[in-house]
Amino acid sequence: MKDITCWAKNIPFLHEVNALPIPLDIRPLNDGEGIESTMKKKNAKCHNLCRIKFNKTNLERAQKRLMHKYHLEVRVNRNVQQFYRIDKQLLAKLSSGYVIAQEMKYHPSCLAAVYPRERARKSQTEAESNCTQNENMMKETALAKLVTYISNSKKI
């Protein structure tokens, strides 16, 4: 009976997180009074293998995988949001709202294409920044030489 109580609690949660270990339609398990009472009425027995498949540890692992997947999606979404602020083509595709709320899925190949573009944009920005720093240094040097020349020409 203890196993049936455990099953009755775990099966709906495993179904909810889409982690049932076997293909199972849970609707027939509930005749309206709950899974546990239905299983008790029908004198359900637990096989050892089934007990292992539907135990609390598997439920906790499934919940952990789900949370990890969610956090990964949030992190990827945050990165893509940073990229699309700059990339107008990506902005047009994602402008309809929050990606996770729309349950959009990223194609790994598309996502892999976004990261190199962002790296290229960053390196280009850094190169432009270095170029302007070099130009500023050259302007400062030219100004210093001009000031020195003017002050030397006044002395003569």
C-alpha atoms as a PDB file:
ATOM      1  CA  MET A   1       0.000   0.000   0.000  1.00  0.00           C
ATOM      2  CA  LYS A   2       2.884   2.337   0.745  1.00  0.00           C
ATOM      3  CA  ASP A   3       4.114   1.902  -2.833  1.00  0.00           C
ATOM      4  CA  ILE A   4       0.699   2.762  -4.242  1.00  0.00           C
ATOM      5  CA  THR A   5       0.584   5.949  -2.160  1.00  0.00           C
ATOM      6  CA  CYS A   6       4.038   6.873  -3.446  1.00  0.00           C
ATOM      7  CA  TRP A   7       2.958   6.152  -7.013  1.00  0.00           C
ATOM      8  CA  ALA A   8      -0.196   8.168  -6.625  1.00  0.00           C
ATOM      9  CA  LYS A   9       1.866  11.178  -5.597  1.00  0.00           C
ATOM     10  CA  ASN A  10       4.714  10.778  -8.086  1.00  0.00           C
ATOM     11  CA  ILE A  11       2.900   9.864 -11.308  1.00  0.00           C
ATOM     12  CA  PRO A  12       1.039  13.201 -11.710  1.00  0.00           C
ATOM     13  CA  PHE A  13       4.233  15.160 -11.014  1.00  0.00           C
ATOM     14  CA  LEU A  14       6.271  13.051 -13.445  1.00  0.00           C
ATOM     15  CA  HIS A  15       3.522  13.569 -16.028  1.00  0.00           C
ATOM     16  CA  GLU A  16       3.492  17.308 -15.339  1.00  0.00           C
ATOM     17  CA  VAL A  17       7.239  17.678 -15.980  1.00  0.00           C
ATOM     18  CA  ASN A  18       6.968  15.335 -18.991  1.00  0.00           C
ATOM     19  CA  ALA A  19       9.307  12.786 -17.426  1.00  0.00           C
ATOM     20  CA  LEU A  20       7.277   9.595 -17.238  1.00  0.00           C
ATOM     21  CA  PRO A  21       9.765   6.725 -17.586  1.00  0.00           C
ATOM     22  CA  ILE A  22       7.378   4.757 -19.815  1.00  0.00           C
ATOM     23  CA  PRO A  23       4.684   5.896 -22.260  1.00  0.00           C
ATOM     24  CA  LEU A  24       1.646   6.135 -20.049  1.00  0.00           C
ATOM     25  CA  ASP A  25      -1.781   7.706 -20.364  1.00  0.00           C
ATOM     26  CA  ILE A  26      -2.603   8.710 -16.797  1.00  0.00           C
ATOM     27  CA  ARG A  27      -6.302   9.448 -17.426  1.00  0.00           C
ATOM     28  CA  PRO A  28      -7.460   5.843 -16.866  1.00  0.00           C
ATOM     29  CA  LEU A  29      -5.593   5.796 -13.538  1.00  0.00           C
ATOM     30  CA  ASN A  30      -8.005   8.330 -12.085  1.00  0.00           C
ATOM     31  CA  ASP A  31     -11.686   7.406 -11.980  1.00  0.00           C
ATOM     32  CA  GLY A  32     -12.589  10.714 -10.375  1.00  0.00           C
ATOM     33  CA  GLU A  33     -11.570   9.970  -6.811  1.00  0.00           C
ATOM     34  CA  GLY A  34      -7.823  10.152  -7.349  1.00  0.00           C
ATOM     35  CA  ILE A  35      -5.115   7.822  -8.561  1.00  0.00           C
ATOM     36  CA  GLU A  36      -4.521   6.223  -5.179  1.00  0.00           C
ATOM     37  CA  SER A  37      -8.159   5.239  -4.599  1.00  0.00           C
ATOM     38  CA  THR A  38      -8.488   3.927  -8.169  1.00  0.00           C
ATOM     39  CA  MET A  39      -5.406   1.762  -7.757  1.00  0.00           C
ATOM     40  CA  LYS A  40      -6.625   0.456  -4.384  1.00  0.00           C
ATOM     41  CA  LYS A  41     -10.064  -0.363  -5.825  1.00  0.00           C
ATOM     42  CA  LYS A  42      -8.492  -2.339  -8.639  1.00  0.00           C
ATOM     43  CA  ASN A  43      -6.041  -4.080  -6.276  1.00  0.00           C
ATOM     44  CA  ALA A  44      -3.017  -2.758  -8.147  1.00  0.00           C
ATOM     45  CA  LYS A  45       0.342  -4.312  -7.324  1.00  0.00           C
ATOM     46  CA  CYS A  46       3.764  -2.740  -7.736  1.00  0.00           C
ATOM     47  CA  HIS A  47       6.481  -4.579  -9.622  1.00  0.00           C
ATOM     48  CA  ASN A  48       9.994  -3.965  -8.345  1.00  0.00           C
ATOM     49  CA  LEU A  49      11.065  -2.435 -11.657  1.00  0.00           C
ATOM     50  CA  CYS A  50       8.024  -0.147 -11.717  1.00  0.00           C
ATOM     51  CA  ARG A  51       8.659   0.913  -8.143  1.00  0.00           C
ATOM     52  CA  ILE A  52      12.181   1.938  -9.155  1.00  0.00           C
ATOM     53  CA  LYS A  53      10.972   3.812 -12.253  1.00  0.00           C
ATOM     54  CA  PHE A  54       8.380   5.857 -10.373  1.00  0.00           C
ATOM     55  CA  ASN A  55      10.230   6.471  -7.105  1.00  0.00           C
ATOM     56  CA  LYS A  56      10.870   9.815  -5.445  1.00  0.00           C
ATOM     57  CA  THR A  57      14.503   9.947  -6.591  1.00  0.00           C
ATOM     58  CA  ASN A  58      13.464   9.854 -10.252  1.00  0.00           C
ATOM     59  CA  LEU A  59      10.905  12.562  -9.570  1.00  0.00           C
ATOM     60  CA  GLU A  60      13.543  14.785  -7.939  1.00  0.00           C
ATOM     61  CA  ARG A  61      15.936  14.193 -10.844  1.00  0.00           C
ATOM     62  CA  ALA A  62      13.235  15.113 -13.353  1.00  0.00           C
ATOM     63  CA  GLN A  63      12.440  18.309 -11.451  1.00  0.00           C
ATOM     64  CA  LYS A  64      16.150  19.162 -11.297  1.00  0.00           C
ATOM     65  CA  ARG A  65      16.509  18.622 -15.074  1.00  0.00           C
ATOM     66  CA  LEU A  66      13.491  20.814 -15.682  1.00  0.00           C
ATOM     67  CA  MET A  67      14.889  23.625 -13.516  1.00  0.00           C
ATOM     68  CA  HIS A  68      18.307  23.332 -15.180  1.00  0.00           C
ATOM     69  CA  LYS A  69      16.667  23.531 -18.601  1.00  0.00           C
ATOM     70  CA  TYR A  70      14.650  26.572 -17.523  1.00  0.00           C
ATOM     71  CA  HIS A  71      17.721  28.389 -16.165  1.00  0.00           C
ATOM     72  CA  LEU A  72      19.632  27.534 -19.318  1.00  0.00           C
ATOM     73  CA  GLU A  73      16.810  28.965 -21.456  1.00  0.00           C
ATOM     74  CA  VAL A  74      16.738  32.132 -19.346  1.00  0.00           C
ATOM     75  CA  ARG A  75      20.507  32.563 -19.702  1.00  0.00           C
ATOM     76  CA  VAL A  76      20.396  31.948 -23.457  1.00  0.00           C
ATOM     77  CA  ASN A  77      17.457  34.350 -23.774  1.00  0.00           C
ATOM     78  CA  ARG A  78      19.371  37.034 -21.865  1.00  0.00           C
ATOM     79  CA  ASN A  79      22.398  36.594 -24.153  1.00  0.00           C
ATOM     80  CA  VAL A  80      20.276  36.713 -27.289  1.00  0.00           C
ATOM     81  CA  GLN A  81      18.493  39.833 -26.020  1.00  0.00           C
ATOM     82  CA  GLN A  82      21.868  41.549 -25.656  1.00  0.00           C
ATOM     83  CA  PHE A  83      22.778  40.526 -29.202  1.00  0.00           C
ATOM     84  CA  TYR A  84      19.523  41.583 -30.811  1.00  0.00           C
ATOM     85  CA  ARG A  85      19.826  45.091 -29.431  1.00  0.00           C
ATOM     86  CA  ILE A  86      22.670  45.475 -31.906  1.00  0.00           C
ATOM     87  CA  ASP A  87      21.748  43.009 -34.651  1.00  0.00           C
ATOM     88  CA  LYS A  88      18.796  44.499 -36.557  1.00  0.00           C
ATOM     89  CA  GLN A  89      18.079  41.281 -38.453  1.00  0.00           C
ATOM     90  CA  LEU A  90      17.748  39.300 -35.232  1.00  0.00           C
ATOM     91  CA  LEU A  91      15.738  42.123 -33.685  1.00  0.00           C
ATOM     92  CA  ALA A  92      13.142  41.821 -36.443  1.00  0.00           C
ATOM     93  CA  LYS A  93      12.758  38.104 -35.766  1.00  0.00           C
ATOM     94  CA  LEU A  94      12.436  38.425 -31.997  1.00  0.00           C
ATOM     95  CA  SER A  95      10.542  41.704 -31.716  1.00  0.00           C
ATOM     96  CA  SER A  96       7.247  40.027 -30.947  1.00  0.00           C
ATOM     97  CA  GLY A  97       8.074  39.617 -27.248  1.00  0.00           C
ATOM     98  CA  TYR A  98       9.709  37.532 -24.588  1.00  0.00           C
ATOM     99  CA  VAL A  99      11.035  34.348 -26.138  1.00  0.00           C
ATOM    100  CA  ILE A 100      10.342  31.987 -23.228  1.00  0.00           C
ATOM    101  CA  ALA A 101       6.790  33.272 -22.762  1.00  0.00           C
ATOM    102  CA  GLN A 102       6.109  32.462 -26.403  1.00  0.00           C
ATOM    103  CA  GLU A 103       7.714  29.044 -25.902  1.00  0.00           C
ATOM    104  CA  MET A 104      10.038  29.658 -28.826  1.00  0.00           C
ATOM    105  CA  LYS A 105      12.783  27.125 -29.303  1.00  0.00           C
ATOM    106  CA  TYR A 106      16.278  27.966 -30.437  1.00  0.00           C
ATOM    107  CA  HIS A 107      17.739  25.893 -33.217  1.00  0.00           C
ATOM    108  CA  PRO A 108      21.242  25.044 -32.043  1.00  0.00           C
ATOM    109  CA  SER A 109      22.644  25.927 -35.470  1.00  0.00           C
ATOM    110  CA  CYS A 110      20.939  29.354 -35.460  1.00  0.00           C
ATOM    111  CA  LEU A 111      22.105  30.044 -31.933  1.00  0.00           C
ATOM    112  CA  ALA A 112      25.609  28.926 -32.856  1.00  0.00           C
ATOM    113  CA  ALA A 113      25.552  31.435 -35.728  1.00  0.00           C
ATOM    114  CA  VAL A 114      24.632  34.315 -33.391  1.00  0.00           C
ATOM    115  CA  TYR A 115      27.670  33.975 -31.133  1.00  0.00           C
ATOM    116  CA  PRO A 116      30.354  34.336 -33.866  1.00  0.00           C
ATOM    117  CA  ARG A 117      28.558  37.398 -35.262  1.00  0.00           C
ATOM    118  CA  GLU A 118      28.613  38.952 -31.797  1.00  0.00           C
ATOM    119  CA  ARG A 119      32.318  38.130 -31.362  1.00  0.00           C
ATOM    120  CA  ALA A 120      33.064  39.670 -34.768  1.00  0.00           C
ATOM    121  CA  ARG A 121      31.097  42.788 -33.848  1.00  0.00           C
ATOM    122  CA  LYS A 122      32.964  43.090 -30.547  1.00  0.00           C
ATOM    123  CA  SER A 123      36.354  42.673 -32.193  1.00  0.00           C
ATOM    124  CA  GLN A 124      35.405  45.261 -34.828  1.00  0.00           C
ATOM    125  CA  THR A 125      34.317  47.686 -32.095  1.00  0.00           C
ATOM    126  CA  GLU A 126      37.578  47.087 -30.220  1.00  0.00           C
ATOM    127  CA  ALA A 127      39.578  47.616 -33.420  1.00  0.00           C
ATOM    128  CA  GLU A 128      37.759  50.896 -34.055  1.00  0.00           C
ATOM    129  CA  SER A 129      38.384  51.903 -30.459  1.00  0.00           C
ATOM    130  CA  ASN A 130      42.097  51.107 -30.788  1.00  0.00           C
ATOM    131  CA  CYS A 131      42.219  53.020 -34.068  1.00  0.00           C
ATOM    132  CA  THR A 132      40.671  56.109 -32.500  1.00  0.00           C
ATOM    133  CA  GLN A 133      43.064  55.832 -29.546  1.00  0.00           C
ATOM    134  CA  ASN A 134      46.005  55.731 -31.964  1.00  0.00           C
ATOM    135  CA  GLU A 135      44.585  58.692 -33.871  1.00  0.00           C
ATOM    136  CA  ASN A 136      44.154  60.651 -30.634  1.00  0.00           C
ATOM    137  CA  MET A 137      47.715  59.859 -29.603  1.00  0.00           C
ATOM    138  CA  MET A 138      49.001  61.003 -32.999  1.00  0.00           C
ATOM    139  CA  LYS A 139      46.960  64.226 -32.759  1.00  0.00           C
ATOM    140  CA  GLU A 140      48.318  64.914 -29.269  1.00  0.00           C
ATOM    141  CA  THR A 141      51.865  64.285 -30.480  1.00  0.00           C
ATOM    142  CA  ALA A 142      51.355  66.576 -33.485  1.00  0.00           C
ATOM    143  CA  LEU A 143      49.906  69.298 -31.234  1.00  0.00           C
ATOM    144  CA  ALA A 144      52.840  68.994 -28.832  1.00  0.00           C
ATOM    145  CA  LYS A 145      55.326  69.257 -31.730  1.00  0.00           C
ATOM    146  CA  LEU A 146      53.448  72.278 -33.105  1.00  0.00           C
ATOM    147  CA  VAL A 147      53.486  74.024 -29.715  1.00  0.00           C
ATOM    148  CA  THR A 148      57.201  73.264 -29.352  1.00  0.00           C
ATOM    149  CA  TYR A 149      57.906  74.593 -32.859  1.00  0.00           C
ATOM    150  CA  ILE A 150      55.925  77.805 -32.211  1.00  0.00           C
ATOM    151  CA  SER A 151      57.637  78.435 -28.890  1.00  0.00           C
ATOM    152  CA  ASN A 152      61.087  77.795 -30.465  1.00  0.00           C
ATOM    153  CA  SER A 153      60.327  80.092 -33.399  1.00  0.00           C
ATOM    154  CA  LYS A 154      59.342  82.934 -31.014  1.00  0.00           C
ATOM    155  CA  LYS A 155      62.712  82.643 -29.257  1.00  0.00           C
ATOM    156  CA  ILE A 156      64.604  83.217 -32.470  1.00  0.00           C
END
